[in-house]
Amino acid sequence: AFLDKLPGWAAEAPSPFLAGEALALLDALAGRASEKHAAAAFTALASLARDERFRKADRARALLETAKALAKARPGADASDFAAAATALADGHPSQAVRGLAAQFAASLPTTAPVKKTKKKRKSAK
């Protein structure tokens, strides 16, 4: 139940400090998150990445490090919205660390959907 509410608390925190604390919890609990929790967290992270208060290097790094932990723990979760927000956040950011983390995050995402292997059916000779 706690993990269900944590992304919302991070996104709706009245201060960047409280959002940062929620991010730290999300980062620590990433291994316990389900795909549903991870998807909700990526949505919350995307809204924070678009918030001007998170342009500061330490806050932006916290966002990106949390996203990397979630992506590693739950690679199947949809992170496309956050990926776009992270790219916009890093674009022209003065911190090399932020730009590097955003690039690492983008590189960690799958580029295409996995291809399903199908067995070919043999035609029987009649």
Foldseek 3Di string as FASTA:
>chain_A
DVLVCLLVCLLPPPDLVSVLVSLVVLQVCLLVDDLVSLLSNLVSLLSVLQDPVQLPPVSLLSSLSSNVSNCVNCVPRDNPSSLVSLCVSLVVRPDPSSVVSSVVSVVSHDPDDDDDDDDDDDDDDD
